Amino acid sequence: MSIDSSNSLFKEQQTLQSRVAFLEKERDFVKKLYSDMPQMLQLLAKGALLNSLLNCFKHKLQSQLPNAYCLFMVCDKDCLQWRLQYNDSISERLLNLNGQLMSIPQALITFAASPSCPKRHDVDIQTVSGWKHWQSFLHEHGFTDVSMVSVSDEQGSIYLMLAFQREKNRLEHELMVLALDAYEAWLSAVFEREKADHLLLEDSHKDPSTGLLRRYSFENSFGIVLKDSRRHFQRAALLSILLRPCSNVNEAELKVLADVMRDTVRDNDLIAHYDEHELVMGIRIQHLEDAEVVATKLLKSLSAPAFSKNRLIRGGLSIGIAFYPEHSSLESLYQAASFAAHSLKNVTGYRLEFHGECYESSAGFYTL
């Protein structure tokens, strides 16, 4: 074998050994990275608090990157308000006497404002102008490189993790990417869980097809309205809105009706899908005729040509109205309003219940 062939074979063996050594290191890195994944999934599944999960991920990443300094930050979506998630003896150098960040490097602001690029690696940061605001911090600790990852919680906040490294014990780029990918996946999973919790809570209070309150949520909320009315000597009204009986209710048509009802009342008034063919409204009023105004406005809005093809609206609505304090409880209010609505016998219009009688107008309440 020639000397050239021998040298070539030796170089190939060295390359192979180096590759094997890296693969073994990568295997050990990945094994450690995901070793406690079952426990983390259990925490997620059991609904652990957000801060508890974030603390867990922080300790996990610090353990995974022992030669890096991990800095955890949060900023708003406009990148104007910044804070540290955790303080320690190293990060204190970045804070003023009030515990606020003194300045933010332009490179970090640019990164946070670029959600399409959630990971970034900067080298030679001690000399790069984009990091000049933290130059004393970087020089003091000998940080030469930084790897960053950002994750939005979709609620207006951006969570960032910065892994600062020194050149002499810099982790291989491929391994750092694995760590950043894992951290991004963990936080994304947490924020998805938080989003799902919010949707489940919202769905438990609102009918998903219309966005209107469910019956028990309406009863709880309107019960509070009645208590406030009693305390402040105010009036309130409950409207029972009966849909024309039919084999089934089209959700899309019902959604249109719900939107019109919402436009008819104020934001703090209550609307609920009480039953398949019944909706109710709970409103605060000053005068008895205020409830008539709402009913008249609703019927007028629904008579617009735009709704001529909506079979549910075209079928007509029967509206019954009852008043507080004439009825002192939600149950008696509902029974009275339902009685007034049924008195129309499926004819479109409204009736007002007052002391056991049904009237076409509040003007007739006190006539002989």
Protein backbone atom coordinates (compact mmCIF):
# COMPACT_ATOMS: atom_id res chain seq x y z
CA MET A 1 0.00 0.00 0.00
CA SER A 2 1.37 3.40 -0.99
CA ILE A 3 1.98 6.16 1.50
CA ASP A 4 -0.77 8.28 -0.14
CA SER A 5 -3.26 5.43 0.13
CA SER A 6 -2.29 4.85 3.73
CA ASN A 7 -2.73 8.53 4.60
CA SER A 8 -6.08 8.59 2.82
CA LEU A 9 -7.29 5.54 4.73
CA PHE A 10 -6.10 7.04 8.00
CA LYS A 11 -8.00 10.26 7.32
CA GLU A 12 -11.14 8.31 6.46
CA GLN A 13 -10.83 6.37 9.71
CA GLN A 14 -10.39 9.58 11.67
CA THR A 15 -13.43 11.10 9.95
CA LEU A 16 -15.46 7.97 10.69
CA GLN A 17 -14.36 7.90 14.32
CA SER A 18 -15.20 11.59 14.66
CA ARG A 19 -18.61 10.97 13.12
CA VAL A 20 -19.30 8.02 15.40
CA ALA A 21 -18.23 10.04 18.44
CA PHE A 22 -20.62 12.85 17.47
CA LEU A 23 -23.50 10.43 16.85
CA GLU A 24 -22.92 8.88 20.27
CA LYS A 25 -22.92 12.36 21.82
CA GLU A 26 -26.09 13.23 19.90
CA ARG A 27 -27.72 9.99 21.07
CA ASP A 28 -26.91 10.75 24.68
CA PHE A 29 -28.10 14.36 24.26
CA VAL A 30 -31.43 13.29 22.77
CA LYS A 31 -31.86 10.55 25.37
CA LYS A 32 -31.42 13.06 28.18
CA LEU A 33 -33.58 15.67 26.43
CA TYR A 34 -36.60 13.36 26.27
CA SER A 35 -35.92 11.13 29.27
CA ASP A 36 -38.65 12.69 31.42
CA MET A 37 -41.12 13.37 28.62
CA PRO A 38 -43.76 10.99 30.12
CA GLN A 39 -43.77 13.02 33.35
CA MET A 40 -44.05 16.29 31.41
CA LEU A 41 -46.96 14.95 29.36
CA GLN A 42 -48.69 13.92 32.57
CA LEU A 43 -48.28 17.44 33.95
CA LEU A 44 -49.84 18.81 30.78
CA ALA A 45 -52.69 16.28 30.82
CA LYS A 46 -53.47 16.92 34.49
CA GLY A 47 -53.81 20.65 33.90
CA ALA A 48 -50.78 21.86 35.83
CA LEU A 49 -50.65 25.63 36.28
CA LEU A 50 -48.90 27.62 33.57
CA ASN A 51 -46.17 28.94 35.89
CA SER A 52 -45.49 25.43 37.20
CA LEU A 53 -45.00 24.15 33.66
CA LEU A 54 -42.79 27.09 32.69
CA ASN A 55 -40.63 26.48 35.77
CA CYS A 56 -40.38 22.81 34.84
CA PHE A 57 -39.23 23.67 31.30
CA LYS A 58 -36.74 26.20 32.65
CA HIS A 59 -35.05 23.66 34.92
CA LYS A 60 -35.10 21.06 32.17
CA LEU A 61 -33.38 23.33 29.67
CA GLN A 62 -30.78 24.51 32.18
CA SER A 63 -29.99 20.88 32.96
CA GLN A 64 -29.75 20.09 29.26
CA LEU A 65 -27.39 23.01 28.56
CA PRO A 66 -25.03 23.06 31.58
CA ASN A 67 -22.34 25.10 29.79
CA ALA A 68 -24.77 27.77 28.54
CA TYR A 69 -26.46 30.56 30.45
CA CYS A 70 -30.21 30.53 29.76
CA LEU A 71 -32.09 33.82 30.01
CA PHE A 72 -35.89 33.69 29.92
CA MET A 73 -37.82 36.80 28.85
CA VAL A 74 -41.33 37.94 27.94
CA CYS A 75 -42.39 40.86 25.77
CA ASP A 76 -45.66 42.13 24.36
CA LYS A 77 -46.57 41.59 20.70
CA ASP A 78 -45.44 45.14 19.85
CA CYS A 79 -42.04 44.54 21.49
CA LEU A 80 -42.41 47.60 23.70
CA GLN A 81 -42.79 46.08 27.16
CA TRP A 82 -40.07 43.65 28.28
CA ARG A 83 -39.42 41.75 31.48
CA LEU A 84 -37.35 38.86 32.78
CA GLN A 85 -39.25 35.74 33.80
CA TYR A 86 -36.62 34.85 36.37
CA ASN A 87 -33.89 36.85 38.09
CA ASP A 88 -30.52 35.61 39.33
CA SER A 89 -27.12 37.04 40.20
CA ILE A 90 -26.10 37.14 36.54
CA SER A 91 -29.22 38.71 35.04
CA GLU A 92 -29.31 41.39 37.78
CA ARG A 93 -26.66 43.31 35.82
CA LEU A 94 -29.31 43.96 33.16
CA LEU A 95 -31.77 45.58 35.57
CA ASN A 96 -32.07 49.07 37.02
CA LEU A 97 -32.75 49.89 40.65
CA ASN A 98 -36.47 49.34 40.10
CA GLY A 99 -35.91 45.82 38.81
CA GLN A 100 -36.69 46.74 35.20
CA LEU A 101 -34.58 46.01 32.14
CA MET A 102 -32.39 49.01 31.43
CA SER A 103 -32.22 48.47 27.67
CA ILE A 104 -32.99 45.90 24.97
CA PRO A 105 -30.51 45.13 22.17
CA GLN A 106 -31.82 45.93 18.71
CA ALA A 107 -30.94 42.41 17.54
CA LEU A 108 -33.26 40.98 20.19
CA ILE A 109 -36.09 43.36 19.28
CA THR A 110 -35.74 42.46 15.60
CA PHE A 111 -35.82 38.76 16.44
CA ALA A 112 -38.92 39.03 18.65
CA ALA A 113 -40.71 41.03 15.96
CA SER A 114 -40.12 38.26 13.38
CA PRO A 115 -42.49 35.40 14.30
CA SER A 116 -41.84 33.71 10.96
CA CYS A 117 -38.27 33.03 12.17
CA PRO A 118 -38.70 31.60 15.69
CA LYS A 119 -35.04 30.53 16.05
CA ARG A 120 -31.81 32.43 15.54
CA HIS A 121 -28.09 32.03 16.26
CA ASP A 122 -25.79 35.05 16.58
CA VAL A 123 -22.01 34.77 16.86
CA ASP A 124 -19.34 37.27 17.89
CA ILE A 125 -21.99 39.21 19.80
CA GLN A 126 -19.36 41.13 21.78
CA THR A 127 -18.50 43.06 18.63
CA VAL A 128 -21.85 43.15 16.78
CA SER A 129 -23.62 46.53 16.86
CA GLY A 130 -27.02 44.91 17.35
CA TRP A 131 -25.93 43.78 20.83
CA LYS A 132 -24.09 46.96 21.88
CA HIS A 133 -26.55 47.76 24.71
CA TRP A 134 -25.45 44.62 26.53
CA GLN A 135 -21.73 44.85 25.77
CA SER A 136 -20.62 45.18 29.39
CA PHE A 137 -22.80 42.21 30.38
CA LEU A 138 -21.41 40.06 27.54
CA HIS A 139 -17.77 40.97 28.23
CA GLU A 140 -18.08 40.46 31.97
CA HIS A 141 -19.24 36.87 31.52
CA GLY A 142 -17.32 36.07 28.35
CA PHE A 143 -20.40 35.32 26.26
CA THR A 144 -19.55 35.18 22.56
CA ASP A 145 -22.58 33.43 21.04
CA VAL A 146 -26.32 33.37 21.63
CA SER A 147 -29.02 31.00 20.40
CA MET A 148 -32.59 32.23 20.68
CA VAL A 149 -36.10 30.84 20.38
CA SER A 150 -39.44 32.67 20.59
CA VAL A 151 -42.97 31.35 21.11
CA SER A 152 -46.17 33.41 21.03
CA ASP A 153 -48.94 32.52 23.46
CA GLU A 154 -51.49 33.94 20.95
CA GLN A 155 -52.74 36.17 23.76
CA GLY A 156 -50.47 39.14 23.10
CA SER A 157 -47.23 37.92 24.73
CA ILE A 158 -44.02 36.50 23.27
CA TYR A 159 -41.89 34.15 25.39
CA LEU A 160 -38.18 34.09 24.56
CA MET A 161 -35.27 31.95 25.68
CA LEU A 162 -31.69 33.09 25.06
CA ALA A 163 -28.88 30.58 25.50
CA PHE A 164 -25.57 32.45 25.86
CA GLN A 165 -22.34 30.48 25.27
CA ARG A 166 -18.61 30.95 25.52
CA GLU A 167 -16.45 30.07 22.53
CA LYS A 168 -14.27 27.57 24.41
CA ASN A 169 -17.17 25.27 25.35
CA ARG A 170 -19.65 26.02 22.62
CA LEU A 171 -22.19 23.25 21.99
CA GLU A 172 -22.45 21.83 18.48
CA HIS A 173 -24.97 23.75 16.39
CA GLU A 174 -27.03 20.63 15.63
CA LEU A 175 -27.45 19.83 19.32
CA MET A 176 -28.42 23.40 20.20
CA VAL A 177 -31.06 23.30 17.47
CA LEU A 178 -32.48 20.13 19.05
CA ALA A 179 -32.74 21.89 22.41
CA LEU A 180 -34.40 24.97 20.91
CA ASP A 181 -36.85 22.81 18.95
CA ALA A 182 -37.78 20.91 22.10
CA TYR A 183 -38.32 24.10 24.12
CA GLU A 184 -40.45 25.59 21.34
CA ALA A 185 -42.55 22.41 21.19
CA TRP A 186 -43.02 22.34 24.98
CA LEU A 187 -44.20 25.94 25.15
CA SER A 188 -46.44 25.58 22.10
CA ALA A 189 -48.07 22.55 23.70
CA VAL A 190 -48.66 24.49 26.93
CA PHE A 191 -50.21 27.44 25.11
CA GLU A 192 -52.42 25.10 23.06
CA ARG A 193 -53.56 23.52 26.33
CA GLU A 194 -54.29 26.96 27.77
CA LYS A 195 -56.24 27.87 24.63
CA ALA A 196 -58.22 24.62 24.82
CA ASP A 197 -59.01 25.26 28.49
CA HIS A 198 -60.31 28.71 27.59
CA LEU A 199 -62.46 27.35 24.75
CA LEU A 200 -63.86 24.61 26.95
CA LEU A 201 -64.70 27.15 29.64
CA GLU A 202 -66.30 29.42 27.05
CA ASP A 203 -68.24 26.53 25.50
CA SER A 204 -69.50 25.52 28.93
CA HIS A 205 -71.04 29.01 29.28
CA LYS A 206 -72.04 29.70 25.69
CA ASP A 207 -73.83 27.83 22.94
CA PRO A 208 -71.12 27.27 20.30
CA SER A 209 -73.59 27.50 17.40
CA THR A 210 -74.85 30.99 18.33
CA GLY A 211 -72.38 32.40 20.85
CA LEU A 212 -75.31 33.01 23.21
CA LEU A 213 -75.27 32.11 26.88
CA ARG A 214 -76.39 28.69 27.95
CA ARG A 215 -79.40 28.49 30.25
CA TYR A 216 -77.57 28.01 33.55
CA SER A 217 -75.05 30.76 32.72
CA PHE A 218 -77.91 33.14 31.94
CA GLU A 219 -79.64 32.26 35.19
CA ASN A 220 -76.47 32.93 37.19
CA SER A 221 -75.73 36.21 35.42
CA PHE A 222 -79.28 37.53 35.43
CA GLY A 223 -79.56 36.58 39.08
CA ILE A 224 -76.74 39.05 39.72
CA VAL A 225 -78.61 41.69 37.68
CA LEU A 226 -81.69 41.19 39.86
CA LYS A 227 -79.63 41.53 43.04
CA ASP A 228 -78.11 44.77 41.76
CA SER A 229 -81.56 46.03 40.75
CA ARG A 230 -82.88 45.28 44.22
CA ARG A 231 -79.95 47.02 45.87
CA HIS A 232 -80.17 50.15 43.72
CA PHE A 233 -83.98 50.25 43.30
CA GLN A 234 -83.76 49.74 39.53
CA ARG A 235 -86.01 48.03 37.03
CA ALA A 236 -85.28 45.02 34.83
CA ALA A 237 -87.18 43.03 32.20
CA LEU A 238 -87.07 39.51 30.89
CA LEU A 239 -88.12 38.72 27.32
CA SER A 240 -89.13 35.20 26.25
CA ILE A 241 -88.74 34.84 22.47
CA LEU A 242 -90.51 31.82 20.98
CA LEU A 243 -89.54 30.53 17.56
CA ARG A 244 -92.26 29.12 15.34
CA PRO A 245 -92.41 25.33 15.97
CA CYS A 246 -90.72 23.32 13.23
CA SER A 247 -89.08 19.95 12.83
CA ASN A 248 -85.59 21.28 13.48
CA VAL A 249 -83.74 24.56 13.84
CA ASN A 250 -81.11 25.46 11.24
CA GLU A 251 -77.95 26.53 13.10
CA ALA A 252 -76.86 29.00 10.43
CA GLU A 253 -80.27 30.72 10.48
CA LEU A 254 -80.28 30.72 14.28
CA LYS A 255 -76.84 32.34 14.27
CA VAL A 256 -78.20 35.17 12.08
CA LEU A 257 -81.08 35.71 14.53
CA ALA A 258 -78.64 35.73 17.46
CA ASP A 259 -76.49 38.38 15.75
CA VAL A 260 -79.55 40.62 15.19
CA MET A 261 -80.55 40.21 18.84
CA ARG A 262 -77.08 41.20 19.99
CA ASP A 263 -77.24 44.34 17.83
CA THR A 264 -80.60 45.23 19.39
CA VAL A 265 -79.44 45.41 23.01
CA ARG A 266 -76.49 46.87 24.90
CA ASP A 267 -73.28 44.94 25.46
CA ASN A 268 -74.03 44.36 29.13
CA ASP A 269 -77.51 42.96 28.48
CA LEU A 270 -77.90 39.18 28.48
CA ILE A 271 -79.13 36.84 25.75
CA ALA A 272 -79.45 33.06 26.07
CA HIS A 273 -80.45 30.07 24.00
CA TYR A 274 -82.86 28.71 26.59
CA ASP A 275 -84.40 25.83 24.67
CA GLU A 276 -84.44 24.55 21.10
CA HIS A 277 -87.29 26.89 20.14
CA GLU A 278 -86.85 29.61 22.76
CA LEU A 279 -84.40 32.41 23.43
CA VAL A 280 -84.49 34.84 26.33
CA MET A 281 -83.16 38.35 26.92
CA GLY A 282 -82.48 39.96 30.27
CA ILE A 283 -82.17 43.73 30.17
CA ARG A 284 -81.86 46.64 32.60
CA ILE A 285 -84.51 49.34 32.05
CA GLN A 286 -85.48 52.67 33.54
CA HIS A 287 -89.08 52.76 32.36
CA LEU A 288 -91.59 50.03 31.48
CA GLU A 289 -91.81 51.22 27.88
CA ASP A 290 -88.05 50.63 27.43
CA ALA A 291 -88.71 46.90 27.04
CA GLU A 292 -91.32 47.64 24.37
CA VAL A 293 -88.74 49.70 22.48
CA VAL A 294 -86.36 46.73 22.46
CA ALA A 295 -89.06 44.32 21.25
CA THR A 296 -90.25 46.73 18.55
CA LYS A 297 -86.68 47.36 17.37
CA LEU A 298 -85.96 43.62 17.18
CA LEU A 299 -89.13 42.87 15.16
CA LYS A 300 -88.44 45.80 12.83
CA SER A 301 -84.86 44.68 12.24
CA LEU A 302 -85.99 41.13 11.44
CA SER A 303 -88.52 42.39 8.87
CA ALA A 304 -85.72 43.73 6.66
CA PRO A 305 -85.53 42.27 3.12
CA ALA A 306 -82.05 40.91 3.91
CA PHE A 307 -83.67 38.17 5.99
CA SER A 308 -86.36 37.20 3.49
CA LYS A 309 -84.65 33.87 2.76
CA ASN A 310 -84.11 32.98 6.41
CA ARG A 311 -86.94 30.52 7.07
CA LEU A 312 -86.48 30.72 10.83
CA ILE A 313 -86.91 34.50 10.88
CA ARG A 314 -89.60 34.46 8.18
CA GLY A 315 -91.60 32.08 10.36
CA GLY A 316 -91.99 34.86 12.91
CA LEU A 317 -91.31 35.36 16.61
CA SER A 318 -93.64 35.61 19.59
CA ILE A 319 -92.18 37.79 22.35
CA GLY A 320 -93.39 37.85 25.91
CA ILE A 321 -92.17 40.47 28.41
CA ALA A 322 -92.26 40.48 32.21
CA PHE A 323 -90.92 43.04 34.67
CA TYR A 324 -88.94 43.31 37.89
CA PRO A 325 -89.85 44.27 40.63
CA GLU A 326 -93.39 43.19 39.71
CA HIS A 327 -91.86 39.71 39.76
CA SER A 328 -89.14 39.40 42.36
CA SER A 329 -87.45 36.17 41.22
CA LEU A 330 -86.04 34.86 37.97
CA GLU A 331 -88.42 31.89 38.06
CA SER A 332 -91.54 34.04 38.34
CA LEU A 333 -90.19 36.46 35.71
CA TYR A 334 -89.62 33.63 33.27
CA GLN A 335 -93.02 32.06 33.89
CA ALA A 336 -94.75 35.41 33.34
CA ALA A 337 -92.77 36.20 30.17
CA SER A 338 -93.40 32.70 28.80
CA PHE A 339 -97.11 33.06 29.56
CA ALA A 340 -97.23 36.34 27.62
CA ALA A 341 -95.34 34.85 24.65
CA HIS A 342 -97.63 31.81 24.44
CA SER A 343 -100.70 34.06 24.62
CA LEU A 344 -99.85 35.20 21.07
CA LYS A 345 -100.52 31.65 19.83
CA ASN A 346 -97.69 31.68 17.27
CA VAL A 347 -98.58 35.14 15.95
CA THR A 348 -95.63 37.46 15.38
CA GLY A 349 -95.55 40.34 17.85
CA TYR A 350 -95.11 40.96 21.56
CA ARG A 351 -97.21 40.98 24.69
CA LEU A 352 -96.43 42.38 28.13
CA GLU A 353 -97.41 40.56 31.31
CA PHE A 354 -98.41 42.87 34.16
CA HIS A 355 -100.02 41.61 37.36
CA GLY A 356 -101.35 38.45 35.71
CA GLU A 357 -102.77 40.12 32.57
CA CYS A 358 -101.33 40.43 29.07
CA TYR A 359 -101.24 43.78 27.30
CA GLU A 360 -100.31 45.00 23.85
CA SER A 361 -98.73 48.12 25.33
CA SER A 362 -97.63 49.42 28.70
CA ALA A 363 -100.03 52.32 28.11
CA GLY A 364 -102.83 49.97 29.10
CA PHE A 365 -101.37 49.02 32.50
CA TYR A 366 -103.17 51.73 34.44
CA THR A 367 -106.31 52.34 32.35
CA LEU A 368 -109.70 51.44 33.77
